Amino acid sequence: MSYLFSENIIFPLIDILIPTNPAGKQERHRQARQRQKANQIIIVQQSNPAVGPISIPPVALNHPPPQEFPLAFTTQINLWKALELGGMNVICSSCNALHWIDERSQPSTKSLPRFESCCKKGDVILESLPDPPDILKRLLSTEDADSKRFRKHIREYPDMKMSFHIHMTTQQWMHFLQFLKEVSLTFEQKLIICPKLTMFGSSESKRLLVQTARNEVATAILNGVLTPDEGNALIEDWVQGLTIGGFLPMIRSCGILAVFTNALGNAIEQQSQDSVSWHTYVIFYKNGVLAVYDPSFTPGTTHFDSCNGVSLVKGLVKAFRGRSTNRRVTEIWFGGGCNDGTNCQEMTRRWIEQEIVINEGADLGNWDRREGWVKVHF
C-alpha cells in the first residue's frame, strides 16, 4: 500500500524509516529542500521499508498567485508603484474624444481600440455646439478695450441660458442687465440699457410695498424660514427698485430699454394680502415711440386702457402727459402674449436676449414690420 505525503510530513519520516549516517542525513535534507523548492512530491513505498524514497519528475502545484493589494492598503512606501498610463493621446475613431489606451473597452485591441465612456462605440451621436452670436464671439476673442472689460467682469454676469423663474430676484436681474449694458457698448447704434428694475409707480407705493415685504420677512425669520442675513438681502432687493420718477431722468433720445416689474393690484390692496404677485415685461422708448413687450398681452387689444397688468407703463404715459419730463409719446406699440401666468420672467429674458445679444439692437424700432405687434390707441 502506498501513501502520498507532502514534503512537510515526509521529511521527518525518512529518518525514522531509513536510518543512515549523519552525513547522508544532511545530504537528504539538502535534496529534500531542493525538491520542495521545485514543487516535487515524494512517494514512499511502506510495504518495503528497505526501499529508499523515489523521486518523480516535478509537477507544478496549483498555487494561487500572490495577492496584490490596492495602494491605499500598502503601508510600506518602498512598495508603492507609480501608475503609468502613458499619454492621453488615443483618439476615439467615432467621436474624436481623447483617451488613455487602457480605457479601451474589451475585447478591442491596442491597435484598434474602441471606447464606451465617450460615445458608446459610436452609438451616441451629439450635434456640434452652435457658434455663439458674433457679438459674443468678438467680445471673447478680440483685444479692444470693450472686449477686455467684458472678459474682466465676465464672472459677474449670469449664464445667458439660465432660467428666470417666477421668483427671480432683483439682484439676478440687475446682473443680467449689467451684462447687456456691457454688450451694448460695442454696438454701432448707440443704445441705453437701464441696469435696474423699475418696480414702483411712486415713492408712496414703494414705501407701502417695502413695508409689506418687511412684515413678511420678519414673520419668516420668526418662524425659522429665513435667516436674518437672507431676510436683509430680500429687503435690499426691494429697496433697489426704481420708481417711475427715478426712471424718467435716464431716458435718452438714442433709445432706452428697461425691464418693468409691477405688483398686480394697487399697493394698498397688496398690503392686506398674504403674498404679492408680480408681472415682468420690457419697454423700449425712442423718439416719442413707446414699445412694450408683454408676455401676457392679449392679441387683438387695440386700446391702451384695455391693456391689463402693465400699471407701470400707464404711470409712465401719465408722467409724459403731465410734463414730468420734456419727452413725449406719439405712438404706443404692444407685442408678446402666450404666457400661462408663470413664465413672464423667462419669456421677458428670452426676448431681450434675442433683441440685444443676437440681433445687436438692430431691429428695435421696426414695430410695424413685426408679426403680432399692434399700435394701440391712447
Protein backbone atom coordinates (compact mmCIF):
# COMPACT_ATOMS: atom_id res chain seq x y z
CA MET A 1 0.00 0.00 0.00
CA SER A 2 1.29 3.45 -0.90
CA TYR A 3 0.75 6.75 0.89
CA LEU A 4 1.03 10.21 -0.58
CA PHE A 5 2.61 12.76 1.72
CA SER A 6 3.60 16.30 1.33
CA GLU A 7 7.26 17.00 1.88
CA ASN A 8 6.50 18.80 5.14
CA ILE A 9 5.26 15.44 6.51
CA ILE A 10 7.66 13.04 4.77
CA PHE A 11 10.73 14.99 5.78
CA PRO A 12 10.88 13.66 9.39
CA LEU A 13 9.57 10.19 8.38
CA ILE A 14 12.56 9.47 6.19
CA ASP A 15 14.84 9.49 9.20
CA ILE A 16 12.57 7.02 11.01
CA LEU A 17 12.09 4.61 8.10
CA ILE A 18 15.63 4.68 6.71
CA PRO A 19 18.29 5.15 9.39
CA THR A 20 21.59 6.30 7.88
CA ASN A 21 24.78 8.04 8.93
CA PRO A 22 24.71 11.79 9.77
CA ALA A 23 26.42 12.81 6.53
CA GLY A 24 23.77 11.07 4.48
CA LYS A 25 21.10 12.68 6.61
CA GLN A 26 22.37 16.15 5.82
CA GLU A 27 22.55 15.33 2.13
CA ARG A 28 18.95 14.10 2.15
CA HIS A 29 17.84 17.29 3.91
CA ARG A 30 19.53 19.33 1.24
CA GLN A 31 17.96 17.31 -1.55
CA ALA A 32 14.53 17.49 0.11
CA ARG A 33 14.76 21.26 0.33
CA GLN A 34 15.70 21.44 -3.33
CA ARG A 35 12.78 19.19 -4.27
CA GLN A 36 10.45 21.31 -2.12
CA LYS A 37 11.51 24.43 -3.95
CA ALA A 38 10.91 22.69 -7.28
CA ASN A 39 7.41 21.67 -6.13
CA GLN A 40 8.25 17.95 -6.15
CA ILE A 41 6.39 15.26 -4.26
CA ILE A 42 7.72 12.03 -2.86
CA ILE A 43 6.09 8.65 -2.76
CA VAL A 44 7.18 6.21 -0.09
CA GLN A 45 6.52 2.50 -0.52
CA GLN A 46 5.67 1.49 3.06
CA SER A 47 5.30 -2.20 2.11
CA ASN A 48 9.09 -2.45 1.73
CA PRO A 49 10.89 -0.28 4.29
CA ALA A 50 14.25 -1.11 2.77
CA VAL A 51 13.40 0.76 -0.40
CA GLY A 52 14.51 4.38 -0.31
CA PRO A 53 12.46 7.33 -1.44
CA ILE A 54 11.65 7.53 -5.12
CA SER A 55 11.51 10.90 -6.77
CA ILE A 56 9.32 11.59 -9.76
CA PRO A 57 9.51 14.43 -12.27
CA PRO A 58 8.44 17.81 -10.95
CA VAL A 59 4.74 18.50 -11.01
CA ALA A 60 3.58 22.12 -10.85
CA LEU A 61 1.22 22.69 -7.93
CA ASN A 62 -1.78 24.95 -8.45
CA HIS A 63 -0.77 27.68 -6.03
CA PRO A 64 -2.74 30.99 -6.41
CA PRO A 65 -0.66 33.99 -7.48
CA PRO A 66 0.38 36.36 -4.68
CA GLN A 67 -2.40 38.87 -3.97
CA GLU A 68 -1.73 42.47 -4.92
CA PHE A 69 -3.39 44.91 -2.55
CA PRO A 70 -4.55 48.40 -3.61
CA LEU A 71 -2.12 51.22 -2.96
CA ALA A 72 -4.25 52.55 -0.10
CA PHE A 73 -3.77 49.20 1.73
CA THR A 74 0.01 49.26 1.35
CA THR A 75 1.73 50.95 4.27
CA GLN A 76 5.33 50.44 3.14
CA ILE A 77 6.27 53.39 0.98
CA ASN A 78 9.06 51.40 -0.64
CA LEU A 79 6.42 49.05 -2.11
CA TRP A 80 4.46 51.83 -3.76
CA LYS A 81 4.48 51.79 -7.55
CA ALA A 82 3.80 54.72 -9.87
CA LEU A 83 0.75 54.34 -12.07
CA GLU A 84 1.95 54.59 -15.63
CA LEU A 85 -0.94 55.25 -18.02
CA GLY A 86 1.04 56.83 -20.81
CA GLY A 87 -0.27 59.85 -22.66
CA MET A 88 -3.92 60.78 -23.09
CA ASN A 89 -3.48 60.83 -26.82
CA VAL A 90 -5.55 57.96 -28.18
CA ILE A 91 -8.38 59.31 -30.35
CA CYS A 92 -11.77 57.65 -30.45
CA SER A 93 -12.44 56.69 -34.06
CA SER A 94 -16.15 57.56 -33.69
CA CYS A 95 -16.23 60.94 -31.90
CA ASN A 96 -12.56 62.06 -31.73
CA ALA A 97 -12.53 62.18 -27.92
CA LEU A 98 -9.12 61.73 -26.30
CA HIS A 99 -8.46 58.70 -24.07
CA TRP A 100 -5.76 56.71 -22.39
CA ILE A 101 -5.20 53.42 -24.15
CA ASP A 102 -6.16 51.41 -21.05
CA GLU A 103 -9.63 52.98 -21.18
CA ARG A 104 -10.46 50.93 -24.25
CA SER A 105 -13.38 48.54 -23.99
CA GLN A 106 -12.88 44.80 -24.22
CA PRO A 107 -12.18 42.93 -26.39
CA SER A 108 -10.79 45.75 -28.55
CA THR A 109 -7.03 45.80 -29.06
CA LYS A 110 -4.36 48.43 -28.67
CA SER A 111 -4.01 48.64 -32.43
CA LEU A 112 -7.79 49.08 -32.98
CA PRO A 113 -9.16 50.49 -29.71
CA ARG A 114 -12.88 51.18 -29.14
CA PHE A 115 -14.28 53.25 -26.29
CA GLU A 116 -17.52 53.18 -24.31
CA SER A 117 -17.27 56.17 -21.97
CA CYS A 118 -17.45 58.86 -24.67
CA CYS A 119 -19.95 57.71 -27.30
CA LYS A 120 -20.73 54.03 -26.61
CA LYS A 121 -18.54 52.92 -29.54
CA GLY A 122 -20.28 55.35 -31.90
CA ASP A 123 -23.86 54.58 -30.83
CA VAL A 124 -24.34 58.09 -29.34
CA ILE A 125 -24.05 60.98 -31.79
CA LEU A 126 -24.22 64.54 -30.41
CA GLU A 127 -24.79 67.58 -32.58
CA SER A 128 -21.99 70.13 -32.67
CA LEU A 129 -22.38 73.11 -30.38
CA PRO A 130 -23.69 76.15 -32.28
CA ASP A 131 -21.38 79.09 -32.76
CA PRO A 132 -22.01 81.93 -30.30
CA PRO A 133 -23.50 85.17 -31.65
CA ASP A 134 -20.96 87.33 -33.46
CA ILE A 135 -21.05 89.96 -30.76
CA LEU A 136 -20.15 87.45 -28.04
CA LYS A 137 -17.52 85.80 -30.22
CA ARG A 138 -15.86 89.17 -30.74
CA LEU A 139 -16.00 90.09 -27.04
CA LEU A 140 -14.37 86.77 -26.14
CA SER A 141 -11.65 86.76 -28.79
CA THR A 142 -10.50 90.32 -29.58
CA GLU A 143 -8.25 92.68 -27.64
CA ASP A 144 -10.06 96.03 -27.87
CA ALA A 145 -10.99 97.93 -24.70
CA ASP A 146 -14.63 96.78 -24.67
CA SER A 147 -13.67 93.12 -25.02
CA LYS A 148 -11.06 93.32 -22.28
CA ARG A 149 -13.53 94.97 -19.91
CA PHE A 150 -16.14 92.34 -20.73
CA ARG A 151 -13.78 89.44 -20.03
CA LYS A 152 -12.55 91.08 -16.83
CA HIS A 153 -16.08 91.15 -15.41
CA ILE A 154 -17.43 88.04 -17.11
CA ARG A 155 -17.84 86.10 -13.86
CA GLU A 156 -20.13 88.82 -12.56
CA TYR A 157 -22.64 88.16 -15.32
CA PRO A 158 -25.20 85.36 -15.21
CA ASP A 159 -25.26 82.44 -17.58
CA MET A 160 -27.13 83.61 -20.68
CA LYS A 161 -29.04 80.32 -20.74
CA MET A 162 -30.16 80.43 -17.12
CA SER A 163 -33.86 80.03 -16.48
CA PHE A 164 -35.61 83.05 -14.99
CA HIS A 165 -38.46 81.60 -13.00
CA ILE A 166 -41.26 83.46 -11.24
CA HIS A 167 -39.18 84.12 -8.11
CA MET A 168 -36.16 85.70 -9.82
CA THR A 169 -34.51 88.21 -7.52
CA THR A 170 -33.81 91.84 -8.28
CA GLN A 171 -30.09 91.16 -7.88
CA GLN A 172 -30.16 88.45 -10.56
CA TRP A 173 -32.00 90.76 -12.95
CA MET A 174 -29.51 93.54 -12.28
CA HIS A 175 -26.57 91.24 -13.08
CA PHE A 176 -28.29 90.25 -16.32
CA LEU A 177 -29.00 93.87 -17.29
CA GLN A 178 -25.44 94.91 -16.45
CA PHE A 179 -24.20 92.18 -18.78
CA LEU A 180 -26.43 93.51 -21.55
CA LYS A 181 -25.21 97.03 -20.89
CA GLU A 182 -21.62 95.90 -21.40
CA VAL A 183 -22.58 94.13 -24.62
CA SER A 184 -24.49 97.14 -25.95
CA LEU A 185 -21.41 99.39 -25.61
CA THR A 186 -19.95 97.66 -28.67
CA PHE A 187 -22.95 98.34 -30.95
CA GLU A 188 -22.65 100.76 -33.84
CA GLN A 189 -26.10 102.08 -32.95
CA LYS A 190 -25.99 103.69 -29.51
CA LEU A 191 -28.43 102.22 -27.02
CA ILE A 192 -29.05 102.76 -23.32
CA ILE A 193 -29.96 99.78 -21.11
CA CYS A 194 -31.30 100.60 -17.68
CA PRO A 195 -29.31 98.45 -15.19
CA LYS A 196 -32.04 98.47 -12.52
CA LEU A 197 -35.61 97.25 -12.42
CA THR A 198 -38.39 99.82 -12.42
CA MET A 199 -40.79 98.47 -9.81
CA PHE A 200 -42.88 101.27 -8.30
CA GLY A 201 -45.27 103.89 -9.59
CA SER A 202 -44.41 106.40 -6.89
CA SER A 203 -42.39 106.85 -3.73
CA GLU A 204 -45.52 106.22 -1.67
CA SER A 205 -46.29 102.91 -3.37
CA LYS A 206 -42.65 101.90 -2.88
CA ARG A 207 -42.90 102.72 0.83
CA LEU A 208 -46.07 100.66 1.23
CA LEU A 209 -44.77 97.64 -0.67
CA VAL A 210 -41.38 97.70 1.06
CA GLN A 211 -43.19 97.79 4.39
CA THR A 212 -45.28 94.79 3.30
CA ALA A 213 -42.07 92.97 2.41
CA ARG A 214 -40.50 93.84 5.76
CA ASN A 215 -43.50 92.38 7.58
CA GLU A 216 -43.36 89.17 5.54
CA VAL A 217 -39.62 88.82 6.09
CA ALA A 218 -39.95 89.43 9.84
CA THR A 219 -42.57 86.67 10.05
CA ALA A 220 -40.41 84.30 8.03
CA ILE A 221 -37.40 84.95 10.28
CA LEU A 222 -39.53 84.43 13.41
CA ASN A 223 -40.75 81.09 12.03
CA GLY A 224 -37.24 79.99 11.12
CA VAL A 225 -37.93 80.01 7.37
CA LEU A 226 -35.28 82.69 6.72
CA THR A 227 -32.08 83.69 8.48
CA PRO A 228 -31.59 87.39 9.29
CA ASP A 229 -29.00 87.70 6.50
CA GLU A 230 -31.39 86.17 3.95
CA GLY A 231 -34.16 88.47 5.11
CA ASN A 232 -31.97 91.55 4.80
CA ALA A 233 -30.99 90.50 1.25
CA LEU A 234 -34.65 90.28 0.26
CA ILE A 235 -35.39 93.72 1.69
CA GLU A 236 -32.39 95.11 -0.22
CA ASP A 237 -33.89 93.72 -3.43
CA TRP A 238 -37.00 95.82 -2.88
CA VAL A 239 -35.12 98.94 -1.85
CA GLN A 240 -33.03 98.96 -5.05
CA GLY A 241 -36.10 99.03 -7.31
CA LEU A 242 -36.71 102.28 -9.21
CA THR A 243 -39.83 104.39 -9.21
CA ILE A 244 -41.25 106.00 -12.37
CA GLY A 245 -39.81 109.29 -11.15
CA GLY A 246 -36.39 107.68 -10.78
CA PHE A 247 -36.56 106.17 -14.27
CA LEU A 248 -37.56 109.32 -16.21
CA PRO A 249 -34.16 111.10 -15.95
CA MET A 250 -32.48 108.07 -17.54
CA ILE A 251 -34.40 108.42 -20.83
CA ARG A 252 -32.27 109.48 -23.79
CA SER A 253 -33.20 110.27 -27.37
CA CYS A 254 -30.94 107.48 -28.66
CA GLY A 255 -33.28 104.91 -27.15
CA ILE A 256 -33.55 103.14 -23.80
CA LEU A 257 -34.54 99.59 -22.95
CA ALA A 258 -35.78 98.84 -19.44
CA VAL A 259 -37.38 95.99 -17.52
CA PHE A 260 -40.55 96.87 -15.63
CA THR A 261 -41.99 94.61 -12.95
CA ASN A 262 -45.09 95.71 -11.12
CA ALA A 263 -47.36 94.26 -8.49
CA LEU A 264 -50.76 93.14 -9.78
CA GLY A 265 -53.24 95.37 -7.96
CA ASN A 266 -52.72 98.64 -6.13
CA ALA A 267 -50.28 98.99 -3.25
CA ILE A 268 -52.92 99.38 -0.52
CA GLU A 269 -54.71 96.19 -1.62
CA GLN A 270 -51.42 94.32 -1.67
CA GLN A 271 -50.76 95.24 1.96
CA SER A 272 -53.75 93.18 3.07
CA GLN A 273 -52.78 90.10 1.04
CA ASP A 274 -50.57 87.24 2.17
CA SER A 275 -48.31 87.41 -0.89
CA VAL A 276 -47.60 89.84 -3.69
CA SER A 277 -47.96 88.77 -7.34
CA TRP A 278 -45.66 90.46 -9.82
CA HIS A 279 -45.63 90.79 -13.57
CA THR A 280 -42.48 91.44 -15.64
CA TYR A 281 -42.20 92.95 -19.13
CA VAL A 282 -39.94 95.18 -21.28
CA ILE A 283 -40.32 98.72 -22.56
CA PHE A 284 -38.31 100.44 -25.26
CA TYR A 285 -38.61 104.19 -25.83
CA LYS A 286 -37.07 106.16 -28.68
CA ASN A 287 -38.03 109.44 -30.34
CA GLY A 288 -41.55 109.52 -28.95
CA VAL A 289 -42.38 105.87 -29.74
CA LEU A 290 -43.03 103.60 -26.76
CA ALA A 291 -42.97 99.83 -27.39
CA VAL A 292 -43.95 97.23 -24.79
CA TYR A 293 -43.14 93.54 -24.95
CA ASP A 294 -45.70 91.99 -22.59
CA PRO A 295 -45.69 88.18 -22.23
CA SER A 296 -49.34 88.38 -21.09
CA PHE A 297 -50.56 90.70 -23.83
CA THR A 298 -53.95 89.71 -25.24
CA PRO A 299 -53.79 89.66 -29.07
CA GLY A 300 -56.39 91.85 -30.67
CA THR A 301 -56.30 94.53 -27.97
CA THR A 302 -56.33 97.91 -29.68
CA HIS A 303 -56.88 100.38 -26.82
CA PHE A 304 -54.22 101.27 -24.29
CA ASP A 305 -56.68 101.43 -21.41
CA SER A 306 -57.66 97.80 -22.12
CA CYS A 307 -54.10 96.52 -21.60
CA ASN A 308 -54.05 94.75 -18.23
CA GLY A 309 -51.20 94.10 -15.80
CA VAL A 310 -48.99 96.96 -17.01
CA SER A 311 -49.73 99.63 -14.42
CA LEU A 312 -46.18 100.99 -14.57
CA VAL A 313 -46.48 101.67 -18.30
CA LYS A 314 -49.69 103.54 -17.67
CA GLY A 315 -47.94 105.53 -14.94
CA LEU A 316 -45.10 106.30 -17.37
CA VAL A 317 -47.52 107.57 -20.05
CA LYS A 318 -49.28 109.66 -17.41
CA ALA A 319 -45.93 111.18 -16.45
CA PHE A 320 -45.29 112.05 -20.11
CA ARG A 321 -48.66 113.72 -20.39
CA GLY A 322 -48.21 115.60 -17.12
CA ARG A 323 -44.99 117.11 -18.43
CA SER A 324 -42.91 115.45 -15.73
CA THR A 325 -40.27 115.22 -18.46
CA ASN A 326 -39.55 117.01 -21.70
CA ARG A 327 -40.10 113.72 -23.56
CA ARG A 328 -43.34 113.00 -25.38
CA VAL A 329 -45.20 109.89 -26.50
CA THR A 330 -46.61 109.87 -30.03
CA GLU A 331 -47.12 106.13 -30.55
CA ILE A 332 -47.56 103.08 -28.32
CA TRP A 333 -46.95 99.54 -29.62
CA PHE A 334 -47.65 96.23 -27.89
CA GLY A 335 -46.45 92.70 -28.68
CA GLY A 336 -46.00 89.37 -26.95
CA GLY A 337 -48.61 87.07 -25.43
CA CYS A 338 -48.82 83.29 -24.81
CA ASN A 339 -47.84 83.49 -21.13
CA ASP A 340 -49.64 80.95 -18.94
CA GLY A 341 -49.31 83.13 -15.86
CA THR A 342 -45.98 81.70 -14.61
CA ASN A 343 -43.39 82.37 -17.32
CA CYS A 344 -43.32 86.14 -17.70
CA GLN A 345 -39.76 86.49 -16.39
CA GLU A 346 -38.35 83.73 -18.61
CA MET A 347 -40.21 84.99 -21.69
CA THR A 348 -39.00 88.52 -21.00
CA ARG A 349 -35.41 87.38 -20.66
CA ARG A 350 -35.55 85.41 -23.90
CA TRP A 351 -36.98 88.35 -25.80
CA ILE A 352 -34.25 90.68 -24.51
CA GLU A 353 -31.55 88.13 -25.31
CA GLN A 354 -32.82 87.82 -28.88
CA GLU A 355 -33.02 91.57 -29.42
CA ILE A 356 -29.75 92.59 -27.75
CA VAL A 357 -27.35 89.64 -27.94
CA ILE A 358 -28.48 88.01 -31.18
CA ASN A 359 -29.76 90.97 -33.21
CA GLU A 360 -27.47 93.57 -31.57
CA GLY A 361 -30.39 96.00 -31.19
CA ALA A 362 -30.71 96.44 -34.96
CA ASP A 363 -34.43 95.61 -35.08
CA LEU A 364 -35.52 97.77 -32.18
CA GLY A 365 -37.89 100.33 -33.68
CA ASN A 366 -39.26 98.29 -36.60
CA TRP A 367 -42.52 97.60 -34.80
CA ASP A 368 -44.79 97.96 -37.83
CA ARG A 369 -42.96 95.10 -39.57
CA ARG A 370 -43.23 92.67 -36.65
CA GLU A 371 -45.80 89.92 -36.74
CA GLY A 372 -48.33 90.17 -33.92
CA TRP A 373 -47.39 93.70 -32.86
CA VAL A 374 -50.21 96.23 -32.59
CA LYS A 375 -50.28 100.02 -32.36
CA VAL A 376 -52.82 100.83 -29.64
CA HIS A 377 -54.91 103.98 -29.30
CA PHE A 378 -54.35 106.12 -26.24
